[in-house]
Amino acid sequence: MEYVTLGIDCTVDENATLGHSNGSDTDQTQIGNDATIRSGTVIYDDVEIGNSFSTGHNVLVREDTTVGDDVLLGTNTVVDGACTIGSSVSCQTNVYVPRQTTIGDSVFLGPSAVLTNDEYPVRVEQDLEGPTLEDDVSIGANATILPGVTVGRGSFVAAGSIVTEDVPPETLAVGTPARHEPLPDPLEGGNTIA
């Protein structure tokens, strides 16, 4: 923890690792105030995290990642590095966030949601391109978002959907592959989408 700056009123459980080396002697891990970091969590160096951050157990946050304020990373969540995560983000249990992903503010990712960044895994050498989740997006449980896809502001991705193309703002994406529909009006008793 030689290169870790930890804010005030933080709780770090035994068996959590902060500032895990990625091979550089100069990179530093910064974690804001009021953090709760549970056992089994590993946060690499060269990570910057805001205030009121909390994890479940066995969370991984790799290098070159920036995380805003009021973020929850649920048990077994993996943030595979070189990511930007906004404020007021909630990643439930078993969420996978690959390299080169951008997540805006006030985003919800349901249990076992998977984001991907490699269009042709192990077949073609290429630059990785994770998805972009704009502000106020909700991703249902077990949904999959493919590489380079942008999910527009205020959109919902229904549970179990596979999103293969960009989702316009304020839209419901549902199915495999996901099709786009207008958001249901909750006052009219629309179906549950997540």
N, C-alpha and C. Protein backbone atom coordinates (compact mmCIF):
# COMPACT_ATOMS: atom_id res chain seq x y z
N MET A 1 0.82 -1.20 0.00
CA MET A 1 0.00 0.00 0.00
C MET A 1 0.86 1.26 0.00
N GLU A 2 2.09 1.12 -0.46
CA GLU A 2 3.02 2.24 -0.48
C GLU A 2 2.52 3.40 -1.34
N TYR A 3 1.79 3.12 -2.40
CA TYR A 3 1.36 4.16 -3.32
C TYR A 3 -0.15 4.41 -3.26
N VAL A 4 -0.77 4.17 -2.11
CA VAL A 4 -2.21 4.32 -1.95
C VAL A 4 -2.52 5.55 -1.11
N THR A 5 -3.45 6.38 -1.62
CA THR A 5 -3.98 7.49 -0.85
C THR A 5 -5.43 7.16 -0.54
N LEU A 6 -5.75 7.07 0.73
CA LEU A 6 -7.08 6.68 1.17
C LEU A 6 -7.70 7.84 1.93
N GLY A 7 -8.94 8.21 1.57
CA GLY A 7 -9.63 9.32 2.23
C GLY A 7 -10.02 9.00 3.67
N ILE A 8 -10.79 9.90 4.27
CA ILE A 8 -11.20 9.71 5.66
C ILE A 8 -12.46 8.86 5.74
N ASP A 9 -12.66 8.26 6.94
CA ASP A 9 -13.83 7.44 7.23
C ASP A 9 -14.00 6.28 6.25
N CYS A 10 -12.91 5.64 5.91
CA CYS A 10 -12.95 4.48 5.01
C CYS A 10 -12.84 3.19 5.81
N THR A 11 -13.50 2.15 5.32
CA THR A 11 -13.40 0.82 5.91
C THR A 11 -12.84 -0.13 4.85
N VAL A 12 -11.72 -0.77 5.18
CA VAL A 12 -11.10 -1.74 4.27
C VAL A 12 -10.98 -3.05 5.02
N ASP A 13 -11.68 -4.07 4.55
CA ASP A 13 -11.65 -5.37 5.20
C ASP A 13 -10.29 -6.03 5.06
N GLU A 14 -10.02 -6.99 5.96
CA GLU A 14 -8.85 -7.83 5.80
C GLU A 14 -8.95 -8.56 4.47
N ASN A 15 -7.84 -8.89 3.91
CA ASN A 15 -7.75 -9.62 2.65
C ASN A 15 -8.23 -8.81 1.44
N ALA A 16 -8.30 -7.50 1.58
CA ALA A 16 -8.48 -6.62 0.41
C ALA A 16 -7.11 -6.09 0.03
N THR A 17 -6.86 -5.92 -1.26
CA THR A 17 -5.56 -5.45 -1.75
C THR A 17 -5.76 -4.14 -2.47
N LEU A 18 -5.10 -3.10 -1.98
CA LEU A 18 -5.17 -1.78 -2.62
C LEU A 18 -3.80 -1.44 -3.19
N GLY A 19 -3.76 -0.94 -4.42
CA GLY A 19 -2.50 -0.57 -5.05
C GLY A 19 -1.72 -1.75 -5.57
N HIS A 20 -2.42 -2.79 -6.01
CA HIS A 20 -1.74 -3.95 -6.59
C HIS A 20 -0.91 -3.48 -7.79
N SER A 21 0.32 -3.87 -7.84
CA SER A 21 1.25 -3.37 -8.86
C SER A 21 0.92 -3.89 -10.24
N ASN A 22 0.94 -2.98 -11.21
CA ASN A 22 0.82 -3.39 -12.61
C ASN A 22 2.18 -3.27 -13.30
N GLY A 23 3.24 -3.22 -12.51
CA GLY A 23 4.58 -3.19 -13.05
C GLY A 23 5.24 -1.83 -13.05
N SER A 24 4.52 -0.79 -12.68
CA SER A 24 5.07 0.56 -12.66
C SER A 24 5.40 0.95 -11.22
N ASP A 25 6.49 1.69 -11.04
CA ASP A 25 6.87 2.12 -9.70
C ASP A 25 6.29 3.48 -9.32
N THR A 26 5.62 4.15 -10.25
CA THR A 26 5.19 5.52 -9.97
C THR A 26 3.68 5.71 -9.91
N ASP A 27 2.92 4.73 -10.37
CA ASP A 27 1.47 4.89 -10.40
C ASP A 27 0.88 4.80 -9.00
N GLN A 28 -0.17 5.58 -8.77
CA GLN A 28 -0.75 5.66 -7.44
C GLN A 28 -2.24 5.36 -7.50
N THR A 29 -2.73 4.76 -6.44
CA THR A 29 -4.16 4.51 -6.27
C THR A 29 -4.70 5.56 -5.32
N GLN A 30 -5.79 6.22 -5.74
CA GLN A 30 -6.44 7.23 -4.91
C GLN A 30 -7.89 6.83 -4.69
N ILE A 31 -8.29 6.78 -3.43
CA ILE A 31 -9.66 6.44 -3.06
C ILE A 31 -10.17 7.53 -2.15
N GLY A 32 -11.36 8.07 -2.45
CA GLY A 32 -11.92 9.19 -1.71
C GLY A 32 -12.43 8.80 -0.33
N ASN A 33 -13.21 9.70 0.25
CA ASN A 33 -13.76 9.53 1.60
C ASN A 33 -14.92 8.52 1.60
N ASP A 34 -15.16 7.96 2.78
CA ASP A 34 -16.34 7.12 3.05
C ASP A 34 -16.40 5.86 2.18
N ALA A 35 -15.28 5.28 1.86
CA ALA A 35 -15.26 4.04 1.07
C ALA A 35 -15.47 2.83 1.98
N THR A 36 -16.12 1.80 1.43
CA THR A 36 -16.24 0.51 2.09
C THR A 36 -15.76 -0.53 1.09
N ILE A 37 -14.64 -1.17 1.42
CA ILE A 37 -14.00 -2.11 0.50
C ILE A 37 -13.95 -3.46 1.21
N ARG A 38 -14.67 -4.44 0.65
CA ARG A 38 -14.84 -5.72 1.32
C ARG A 38 -13.76 -6.72 0.93
N SER A 39 -13.66 -7.80 1.72
CA SER A 39 -12.59 -8.78 1.56
C SER A 39 -12.59 -9.39 0.17
N GLY A 40 -11.40 -9.70 -0.29
CA GLY A 40 -11.21 -10.29 -1.59
C GLY A 40 -11.12 -9.28 -2.73
N THR A 41 -11.39 -8.01 -2.44
CA THR A 41 -11.31 -6.97 -3.46
C THR A 41 -9.85 -6.67 -3.78
N VAL A 42 -9.55 -6.52 -5.08
CA VAL A 42 -8.22 -6.13 -5.52
C VAL A 42 -8.38 -4.89 -6.39
N ILE A 43 -7.72 -3.80 -5.99
CA ILE A 43 -7.71 -2.57 -6.76
C ILE A 43 -6.26 -2.30 -7.15
N TYR A 44 -6.01 -2.26 -8.44
CA TYR A 44 -4.66 -2.05 -8.96
C TYR A 44 -4.19 -0.61 -8.72
N ASP A 45 -2.90 -0.38 -8.98
CA ASP A 45 -2.43 0.99 -8.95
C ASP A 45 -2.86 1.70 -10.24
N ASP A 46 -2.70 3.01 -10.25
CA ASP A 46 -3.17 3.86 -11.34
C ASP A 46 -4.69 3.78 -11.49
N VAL A 47 -5.37 3.82 -10.34
CA VAL A 47 -6.84 3.86 -10.28
C VAL A 47 -7.21 5.06 -9.42
N GLU A 48 -8.19 5.82 -9.87
CA GLU A 48 -8.69 6.97 -9.11
C GLU A 48 -10.18 6.79 -8.86
N ILE A 49 -10.55 6.78 -7.59
CA ILE A 49 -11.93 6.51 -7.17
C ILE A 49 -12.41 7.67 -6.30
N GLY A 50 -13.65 8.11 -6.52
CA GLY A 50 -14.22 9.22 -5.77
C GLY A 50 -14.73 8.82 -4.40
N ASN A 51 -15.57 9.66 -3.83
CA ASN A 51 -16.13 9.46 -2.49
C ASN A 51 -17.29 8.46 -2.50
N SER A 52 -17.55 7.89 -1.32
CA SER A 52 -18.69 6.99 -1.10
C SER A 52 -18.68 5.80 -2.05
N PHE A 53 -17.53 5.22 -2.24
CA PHE A 53 -17.35 4.03 -3.07
C PHE A 53 -17.55 2.80 -2.20
N SER A 54 -18.22 1.78 -2.74
CA SER A 54 -18.34 0.54 -1.97
C SER A 54 -18.28 -0.66 -2.90
N THR A 55 -17.78 -1.76 -2.35
CA THR A 55 -17.69 -3.01 -3.10
C THR A 55 -18.38 -4.12 -2.33
N GLY A 56 -18.78 -5.14 -3.09
CA GLY A 56 -19.09 -6.42 -2.48
C GLY A 56 -17.78 -7.17 -2.30
N HIS A 57 -17.85 -8.46 -2.13
CA HIS A 57 -16.64 -9.27 -1.96
C HIS A 57 -16.08 -9.67 -3.33
N ASN A 58 -14.76 -9.85 -3.38
CA ASN A 58 -14.07 -10.37 -4.57
C ASN A 58 -14.27 -9.52 -5.82
N VAL A 59 -14.13 -8.22 -5.68
CA VAL A 59 -14.23 -7.29 -6.80
C VAL A 59 -12.83 -7.03 -7.33
N LEU A 60 -12.70 -6.84 -8.66
CA LEU A 60 -11.43 -6.52 -9.28
C LEU A 60 -11.58 -5.22 -10.06
N VAL A 61 -10.67 -4.26 -9.80
CA VAL A 61 -10.60 -3.01 -10.57
C VAL A 61 -9.17 -2.89 -11.06
N ARG A 62 -8.99 -3.00 -12.39
CA ARG A 62 -7.66 -2.97 -13.00
C ARG A 62 -7.20 -1.54 -13.25
N GLU A 63 -5.94 -1.39 -13.68
CA GLU A 63 -5.24 -0.12 -13.84
C GLU A 63 -5.91 0.78 -14.89
N ASP A 64 -5.52 2.07 -14.84
CA ASP A 64 -5.98 3.10 -15.79
C ASP A 64 -7.49 3.30 -15.75
N THR A 65 -8.07 3.17 -14.58
CA THR A 65 -9.52 3.31 -14.42
C THR A 65 -9.83 4.50 -13.52
N THR A 66 -10.88 5.23 -13.91
CA THR A 66 -11.39 6.34 -13.11
C THR A 66 -12.83 6.04 -12.73
N VAL A 67 -13.14 6.21 -11.46
CA VAL A 67 -14.47 5.93 -10.93
C VAL A 67 -14.97 7.17 -10.19
N GLY A 68 -16.21 7.58 -10.44
CA GLY A 68 -16.78 8.77 -9.80
C GLY A 68 -17.21 8.53 -8.36
N ASP A 69 -18.09 9.40 -7.88
CA ASP A 69 -18.63 9.32 -6.51
C ASP A 69 -19.87 8.42 -6.45
N ASP A 70 -20.13 7.89 -5.26
CA ASP A 70 -21.35 7.09 -5.00
C ASP A 70 -21.48 5.92 -5.96
N VAL A 71 -20.43 5.12 -6.07
CA VAL A 71 -20.42 3.96 -6.97
C VAL A 71 -20.40 2.69 -6.15
N LEU A 72 -21.24 1.73 -6.55
CA LEU A 72 -21.27 0.39 -5.97
C LEU A 72 -20.81 -0.60 -7.02
N LEU A 73 -19.82 -1.42 -6.66
CA LEU A 73 -19.41 -2.55 -7.48
C LEU A 73 -19.74 -3.80 -6.69
N GLY A 74 -20.76 -4.54 -7.13
CA GLY A 74 -21.24 -5.70 -6.39
C GLY A 74 -20.28 -6.87 -6.40
N THR A 75 -20.57 -7.84 -5.58
CA THR A 75 -19.74 -9.03 -5.41
C THR A 75 -19.39 -9.65 -6.77
N ASN A 76 -18.12 -9.99 -6.93
CA ASN A 76 -17.56 -10.64 -8.13
C ASN A 76 -17.58 -9.76 -9.38
N THR A 77 -17.78 -8.47 -9.24
CA THR A 77 -17.72 -7.58 -10.39
C THR A 77 -16.27 -7.41 -10.83
N VAL A 78 -16.06 -7.38 -12.15
CA VAL A 78 -14.73 -7.17 -12.72
C VAL A 78 -14.77 -5.94 -13.62
N VAL A 79 -13.87 -4.98 -13.33
CA VAL A 79 -13.63 -3.83 -14.20
C VAL A 79 -12.22 -4.04 -14.72
N ASP A 80 -12.11 -4.39 -16.00
CA ASP A 80 -10.86 -4.92 -16.53
C ASP A 80 -9.84 -3.87 -16.96
N GLY A 81 -10.00 -2.64 -16.52
CA GLY A 81 -8.98 -1.62 -16.74
C GLY A 81 -9.26 -0.70 -17.90
N ALA A 82 -8.59 0.47 -17.88
CA ALA A 82 -8.72 1.48 -18.93
C ALA A 82 -10.18 1.85 -19.14
N CYS A 83 -10.91 2.01 -18.05
CA CYS A 83 -12.34 2.32 -18.09
C CYS A 83 -12.61 3.65 -17.38
N THR A 84 -13.71 4.27 -17.78
CA THR A 84 -14.21 5.46 -17.09
C THR A 84 -15.62 5.15 -16.61
N ILE A 85 -15.83 5.28 -15.31
CA ILE A 85 -17.14 5.04 -14.71
C ILE A 85 -17.56 6.32 -14.01
N GLY A 86 -18.75 6.81 -14.32
CA GLY A 86 -19.25 8.06 -13.76
C GLY A 86 -19.68 7.93 -12.31
N SER A 87 -20.48 8.87 -11.86
CA SER A 87 -20.99 8.89 -10.48
C SER A 87 -22.38 8.27 -10.41
N SER A 88 -22.74 7.83 -9.21
CA SER A 88 -24.05 7.22 -8.94
C SER A 88 -24.31 6.02 -9.85
N VAL A 89 -23.30 5.17 -9.97
CA VAL A 89 -23.39 3.95 -10.78
C VAL A 89 -23.52 2.76 -9.84
N SER A 90 -24.42 1.83 -10.22
CA SER A 90 -24.62 0.62 -9.43
C SER A 90 -24.42 -0.59 -10.32
N CYS A 91 -23.36 -1.36 -10.05
CA CYS A 91 -23.11 -2.62 -10.74
C CYS A 91 -23.44 -3.73 -9.76
N GLN A 92 -24.43 -4.52 -10.07
CA GLN A 92 -24.84 -5.60 -9.18
C GLN A 92 -23.87 -6.78 -9.29
N THR A 93 -24.18 -7.88 -8.62
CA THR A 93 -23.31 -9.05 -8.56
C THR A 93 -22.97 -9.59 -9.95
N ASN A 94 -21.70 -9.96 -10.14
CA ASN A 94 -21.19 -10.65 -11.33
C ASN A 94 -21.19 -9.81 -12.60
N VAL A 95 -21.14 -8.50 -12.52
CA VAL A 95 -21.07 -7.66 -13.71
C VAL A 95 -19.65 -7.69 -14.27
N TYR A 96 -19.54 -7.74 -15.62
CA TYR A 96 -18.23 -7.70 -16.27
C TYR A 96 -18.15 -6.45 -17.14
N VAL A 97 -17.11 -5.63 -16.88
CA VAL A 97 -16.85 -4.40 -17.62
C VAL A 97 -15.45 -4.53 -18.24
N PRO A 98 -15.36 -4.65 -19.58
CA PRO A 98 -14.06 -4.85 -20.22
C PRO A 98 -13.29 -3.56 -20.40
N ARG A 99 -12.04 -3.69 -20.82
CA ARG A 99 -11.19 -2.54 -21.13
C ARG A 99 -11.85 -1.65 -22.17
N GLN A 100 -11.52 -0.35 -22.09
CA GLN A 100 -11.98 0.64 -23.06
C GLN A 100 -13.49 0.86 -23.02
N THR A 101 -14.10 0.74 -21.84
CA THR A 101 -15.53 0.97 -21.67
C THR A 101 -15.75 2.31 -20.98
N THR A 102 -16.81 3.00 -21.38
CA THR A 102 -17.20 4.26 -20.74
C THR A 102 -18.62 4.11 -20.21
N ILE A 103 -18.79 4.41 -18.93
CA ILE A 103 -20.10 4.36 -18.28
C ILE A 103 -20.38 5.74 -17.71
N GLY A 104 -21.52 6.32 -18.08
CA GLY A 104 -21.89 7.65 -17.63
C GLY A 104 -22.41 7.67 -16.19
N ASP A 105 -23.08 8.75 -15.83
CA ASP A 105 -23.64 8.93 -14.49
C ASP A 105 -25.01 8.25 -14.37
N SER A 106 -25.34 7.85 -13.15
CA SER A 106 -26.67 7.30 -12.82
C SER A 106 -27.02 6.11 -13.70
N VAL A 107 -26.08 5.18 -13.82
CA VAL A 107 -26.27 3.97 -14.62
C VAL A 107 -26.45 2.78 -13.68
N PHE A 108 -27.36 1.89 -14.05
CA PHE A 108 -27.62 0.66 -13.30
C PHE A 108 -27.31 -0.53 -14.19
N LEU A 109 -26.50 -1.47 -13.69
CA LEU A 109 -26.23 -2.73 -14.39
C LEU A 109 -26.69 -3.86 -13.50
N GLY A 110 -27.68 -4.63 -13.98
CA GLY A 110 -28.25 -5.73 -13.20
C GLY A 110 -27.30 -6.90 -13.05
N PRO A 111 -27.68 -7.87 -12.23
CA PRO A 111 -26.82 -9.02 -11.97
C PRO A 111 -26.40 -9.74 -13.26
N SER A 112 -25.13 -10.05 -13.35
CA SER A 112 -24.53 -10.81 -14.45
C SER A 112 -24.65 -10.13 -15.81
N ALA A 113 -24.82 -8.81 -15.83
CA ALA A 113 -24.74 -8.08 -17.10
C ALA A 113 -23.31 -8.16 -17.60
N VAL A 114 -23.16 -8.33 -18.93
CA VAL A 114 -21.84 -8.49 -19.53
C VAL A 114 -21.67 -7.47 -20.65
N LEU A 115 -20.60 -6.69 -20.55
CA LEU A 115 -20.21 -5.79 -21.62
C LEU A 115 -19.00 -6.43 -22.30
N THR A 116 -18.86 -6.26 -23.63
CA THR A 116 -17.77 -6.91 -24.35
C THR A 116 -16.99 -5.87 -25.16
N ASN A 117 -15.76 -6.21 -25.52
CA ASN A 117 -14.92 -5.24 -26.24
C ASN A 117 -14.13 -5.82 -27.41
N ASP A 118 -14.34 -7.06 -27.75
CA ASP A 118 -13.54 -7.71 -28.78
C ASP A 118 -14.47 -8.36 -29.80
N GLU A 119 -14.57 -7.77 -30.98
CA GLU A 119 -15.52 -8.23 -32.00
C GLU A 119 -15.18 -9.61 -32.55
N TYR A 120 -13.88 -9.93 -32.61
CA TYR A 120 -13.44 -11.22 -33.15
C TYR A 120 -12.45 -11.87 -32.18
N PRO A 121 -12.91 -12.36 -31.04
CA PRO A 121 -11.99 -12.88 -30.03
C PRO A 121 -11.04 -13.94 -30.58
N VAL A 122 -9.76 -13.73 -30.35
CA VAL A 122 -8.68 -14.66 -30.66
C VAL A 122 -8.54 -14.93 -32.16
N ARG A 123 -9.22 -14.20 -33.02
CA ARG A 123 -9.17 -14.47 -34.45
C ARG A 123 -8.43 -13.40 -35.22
N VAL A 124 -8.64 -12.15 -34.88
CA VAL A 124 -8.06 -11.03 -35.63
C VAL A 124 -7.48 -10.05 -34.62
N GLU A 125 -6.22 -9.63 -34.85
CA GLU A 125 -5.64 -8.62 -33.97
C GLU A 125 -6.29 -7.28 -34.29
N GLN A 126 -6.84 -6.63 -33.27
CA GLN A 126 -7.54 -5.37 -33.48
C GLN A 126 -7.51 -4.54 -32.20
N ASP A 127 -7.86 -3.27 -32.34
CA ASP A 127 -8.00 -2.43 -31.15
C ASP A 127 -9.29 -2.79 -30.45
N LEU A 128 -9.21 -2.88 -29.14
CA LEU A 128 -10.41 -3.18 -28.36
C LEU A 128 -11.27 -1.94 -28.24
N GLU A 129 -12.58 -2.13 -28.31
CA GLU A 129 -13.51 -1.01 -28.19
C GLU A 129 -14.69 -1.46 -27.34
N GLY A 130 -14.69 -1.04 -26.08
CA GLY A 130 -15.81 -1.37 -25.20
C GLY A 130 -17.03 -0.53 -25.53
N PRO A 131 -18.16 -0.88 -24.94
CA PRO A 131 -19.38 -0.11 -25.14
C PRO A 131 -19.33 1.24 -24.42
N THR A 132 -20.26 2.10 -24.79
CA THR A 132 -20.49 3.36 -24.07
C THR A 132 -21.91 3.34 -23.55
N LEU A 133 -22.06 3.47 -22.25
CA LEU A 133 -23.38 3.59 -21.63
C LEU A 133 -23.53 5.03 -21.20
N GLU A 134 -24.42 5.77 -21.86
CA GLU A 134 -24.60 7.18 -21.53
C GLU A 134 -25.35 7.32 -20.21
N ASP A 135 -25.53 8.55 -19.74
CA ASP A 135 -26.17 8.82 -18.45
C ASP A 135 -27.57 8.20 -18.38
N ASP A 136 -27.97 7.79 -17.17
CA ASP A 136 -29.33 7.34 -16.86
C ASP A 136 -29.74 6.08 -17.62
N VAL A 137 -28.80 5.23 -17.95
CA VAL A 137 -29.08 3.96 -18.63
C VAL A 137 -29.32 2.87 -17.58
N SER A 138 -30.23 1.95 -17.88
CA SER A 138 -30.45 0.77 -17.04
C SER A 138 -30.26 -0.48 -17.90
N ILE A 139 -29.45 -1.40 -17.41
CA ILE A 139 -29.18 -2.66 -18.10
C ILE A 139 -29.72 -3.79 -17.22
N GLY A 140 -30.63 -4.60 -17.76
CA GLY A 140 -31.23 -5.68 -17.00
C GLY A 140 -30.29 -6.85 -16.76
N ALA A 141 -30.71 -7.75 -15.87
CA ALA A 141 -29.93 -8.93 -15.52
C ALA A 141 -29.64 -9.78 -16.74
N ASN A 142 -28.41 -10.30 -16.82
CA ASN A 142 -27.97 -11.22 -17.87
C ASN A 142 -28.00 -10.63 -19.27
N ALA A 143 -28.09 -9.32 -19.41
CA ALA A 143 -28.01 -8.69 -20.73
C ALA A 143 -26.56 -8.66 -21.18
N THR A 144 -26.35 -8.65 -22.50
CA THR A 144 -25.01 -8.58 -23.08
C THR A 144 -24.97 -7.42 -24.07
N ILE A 145 -23.95 -6.57 -23.93
CA ILE A 145 -23.76 -5.43 -24.83
C ILE A 145 -22.49 -5.70 -25.62
N LEU A 146 -22.59 -5.70 -26.96
CA LEU A 146 -21.45 -6.05 -27.81
C LEU A 146 -20.49 -4.87 -27.99
N PRO A 147 -19.28 -5.13 -28.52
CA PRO A 147 -18.23 -4.12 -28.63
C PRO A 147 -18.67 -2.89 -29.42
N GLY A 148 -18.26 -1.73 -28.95
CA GLY A 148 -18.46 -0.48 -29.67
C GLY A 148 -19.88 0.05 -29.67
N VAL A 149 -20.81 -0.65 -29.05
CA VAL A 149 -22.21 -0.23 -29.02
C VAL A 149 -22.37 0.93 -28.05
N THR A 150 -23.17 1.93 -28.44
CA THR A 150 -23.55 3.02 -27.54
C THR A 150 -25.01 2.84 -27.15
N VAL A 151 -25.25 2.83 -25.85
CA VAL A 151 -26.62 2.80 -25.34
C VAL A 151 -26.94 4.23 -24.92
N GLY A 152 -27.90 4.84 -25.63
CA GLY A 152 -28.19 6.26 -25.47
C GLY A 152 -28.80 6.62 -24.13
N ARG A 153 -28.66 7.89 -23.80
CA ARG A 153 -29.11 8.44 -22.53
C ARG A 153 -30.56 8.04 -22.23
N GLY A 154 -30.78 7.57 -20.99
CA GLY A 154 -32.12 7.26 -20.52
C GLY A 154 -32.72 5.99 -21.08
N SER A 155 -31.94 5.17 -21.77
CA SER A 155 -32.47 3.94 -22.36
C SER A 155 -32.44 2.79 -21.36
N PHE A 156 -33.25 1.77 -21.67
CA PHE A 156 -33.32 0.54 -20.89
C PHE A 156 -32.97 -0.63 -21.81
N VAL A 157 -32.20 -1.56 -21.28
CA VAL A 157 -31.94 -2.83 -21.97
C VAL A 157 -32.59 -3.90 -21.10
N ALA A 158 -33.55 -4.63 -21.68
CA ALA A 158 -34.30 -5.62 -20.93
C ALA A 158 -33.41 -6.81 -20.54
N ALA A 159 -33.79 -7.48 -19.46
CA ALA A 159 -33.06 -8.64 -18.97
C ALA A 159 -32.90 -9.68 -20.07
N GLY A 160 -31.69 -10.23 -20.19
CA GLY A 160 -31.41 -11.29 -21.13
C GLY A 160 -31.23 -10.86 -22.57
N SER A 161 -31.34 -9.59 -22.85
CA SER A 161 -31.20 -9.10 -24.23
C SER A 161 -29.75 -9.12 -24.67
N ILE A 162 -29.55 -9.23 -25.99
CA ILE A 162 -28.21 -9.11 -26.57
C ILE A 162 -28.26 -7.92 -27.52
N VAL A 163 -27.48 -6.89 -27.17
CA VAL A 163 -27.51 -5.63 -27.91
C VAL A 163 -26.36 -5.63 -28.91
N THR A 164 -26.71 -5.63 -30.21
CA THR A 164 -25.71 -5.74 -31.28
C THR A 164 -25.49 -4.42 -32.02
N GLU A 165 -26.34 -3.42 -31.77
CA GLU A 165 -26.22 -2.14 -32.45
C GLU A 165 -26.61 -1.02 -31.49
N ASP A 166 -26.25 0.22 -31.85
CA ASP A 166 -26.51 1.36 -30.98
C ASP A 166 -28.00 1.45 -30.63
N VAL A 167 -28.26 1.89 -29.40
CA VAL A 167 -29.62 2.10 -28.91
C VAL A 167 -29.84 3.60 -28.79
N PRO A 168 -30.85 4.14 -29.48
CA PRO A 168 -31.10 5.58 -29.39
C PRO A 168 -31.49 5.99 -27.97
N PRO A 169 -31.35 7.27 -27.62
CA PRO A 169 -31.77 7.74 -26.31
C PRO A 169 -33.25 7.45 -26.04
N GLU A 170 -33.58 7.25 -24.76
CA GLU A 170 -34.96 7.07 -24.30
C GLU A 170 -35.67 5.94 -25.05
N THR A 171 -34.98 4.81 -25.17
CA THR A 171 -35.51 3.67 -25.93
C THR A 171 -35.38 2.41 -25.09
N LEU A 172 -36.30 1.45 -25.34
CA LEU A 172 -36.22 0.12 -24.76
C LEU A 172 -35.60 -0.82 -25.78
N ALA A 173 -34.55 -1.53 -25.40
CA ALA A 173 -33.94 -2.56 -26.24
C ALA A 173 -34.29 -3.91 -25.62
N VAL A 174 -34.94 -4.78 -26.41
CA VAL A 174 -35.41 -6.04 -25.86
C VAL A 174 -35.27 -7.15 -26.89
N GLY A 175 -34.81 -8.32 -26.46
CA GLY A 175 -34.74 -9.49 -27.33
C GLY A 175 -33.34 -9.86 -27.73
N THR A 176 -33.26 -10.92 -28.58
CA THR A 176 -31.99 -11.45 -29.04
C THR A 176 -32.06 -11.69 -30.54
N PRO A 177 -31.43 -10.87 -31.38
CA PRO A 177 -30.79 -9.61 -31.01
C PRO A 177 -31.84 -8.58 -30.61
N ALA A 178 -31.40 -7.60 -29.86
CA ALA A 178 -32.34 -6.62 -29.31
C ALA A 178 -32.95 -5.78 -30.42
N ARG A 179 -34.24 -5.57 -30.32
CA ARG A 179 -34.94 -4.62 -31.18
C ARG A 179 -35.30 -3.41 -30.34
N HIS A 180 -35.55 -2.29 -30.99
CA HIS A 180 -35.80 -1.05 -30.27
C HIS A 180 -37.30 -0.75 -30.26
N GLU A 181 -37.78 -0.31 -29.08
CA GLU A 181 -39.17 0.05 -28.91
C GLU A 181 -39.24 1.33 -28.08
N PRO A 182 -40.34 2.05 -28.17
CA PRO A 182 -40.50 3.20 -27.27
C PRO A 182 -40.56 2.71 -25.82
N LEU A 183 -40.10 3.52 -24.91
CA LEU A 183 -40.20 3.16 -23.49
C LEU A 183 -41.67 3.10 -23.08
N PRO A 184 -42.07 2.08 -22.30
CA PRO A 184 -43.44 2.03 -21.81
C PRO A 184 -43.69 3.14 -20.81
N ASP A 185 -44.92 3.60 -20.73
CA ASP A 185 -45.31 4.62 -19.76
C ASP A 185 -45.65 3.92 -18.45
N PRO A 186 -44.86 4.12 -17.39
CA PRO A 186 -45.10 3.42 -16.14
C PRO A 186 -46.48 3.74 -15.53
N LEU A 187 -47.04 4.88 -15.88
CA LEU A 187 -48.35 5.24 -15.36
C LEU A 187 -49.48 4.48 -16.04
N GLU A 188 -49.16 3.86 -17.21
CA GLU A 188 -50.17 3.08 -17.93
C GLU A 188 -50.03 1.59 -17.65
N GLY A 189 -49.20 1.22 -16.65
CA GLY A 189 -49.06 -0.17 -16.26
C GLY A 189 -48.30 -1.01 -17.28
N GLY A 190 -47.25 -0.43 -17.89
CA GLY A 190 -46.44 -1.17 -18.86
C GLY A 190 -45.77 -2.37 -18.24
N ASN A 191 -45.29 -3.28 -19.07
CA ASN A 191 -44.62 -4.48 -18.60
C ASN A 191 -43.32 -4.14 -17.89
N THR A 192 -42.92 -5.04 -17.00
CA THR A 192 -41.63 -4.92 -16.36
C THR A 192 -40.54 -5.20 -17.39
N ILE A 193 -39.50 -4.35 -17.41
CA ILE A 193 -38.47 -4.50 -18.44
C ILE A 193 -37.15 -4.99 -17.92
N ALA A 194 -36.93 -4.99 -16.64
CA ALA A 194 -35.67 -5.49 -16.13
C ALA A 194 -35.96 -6.55 -15.15
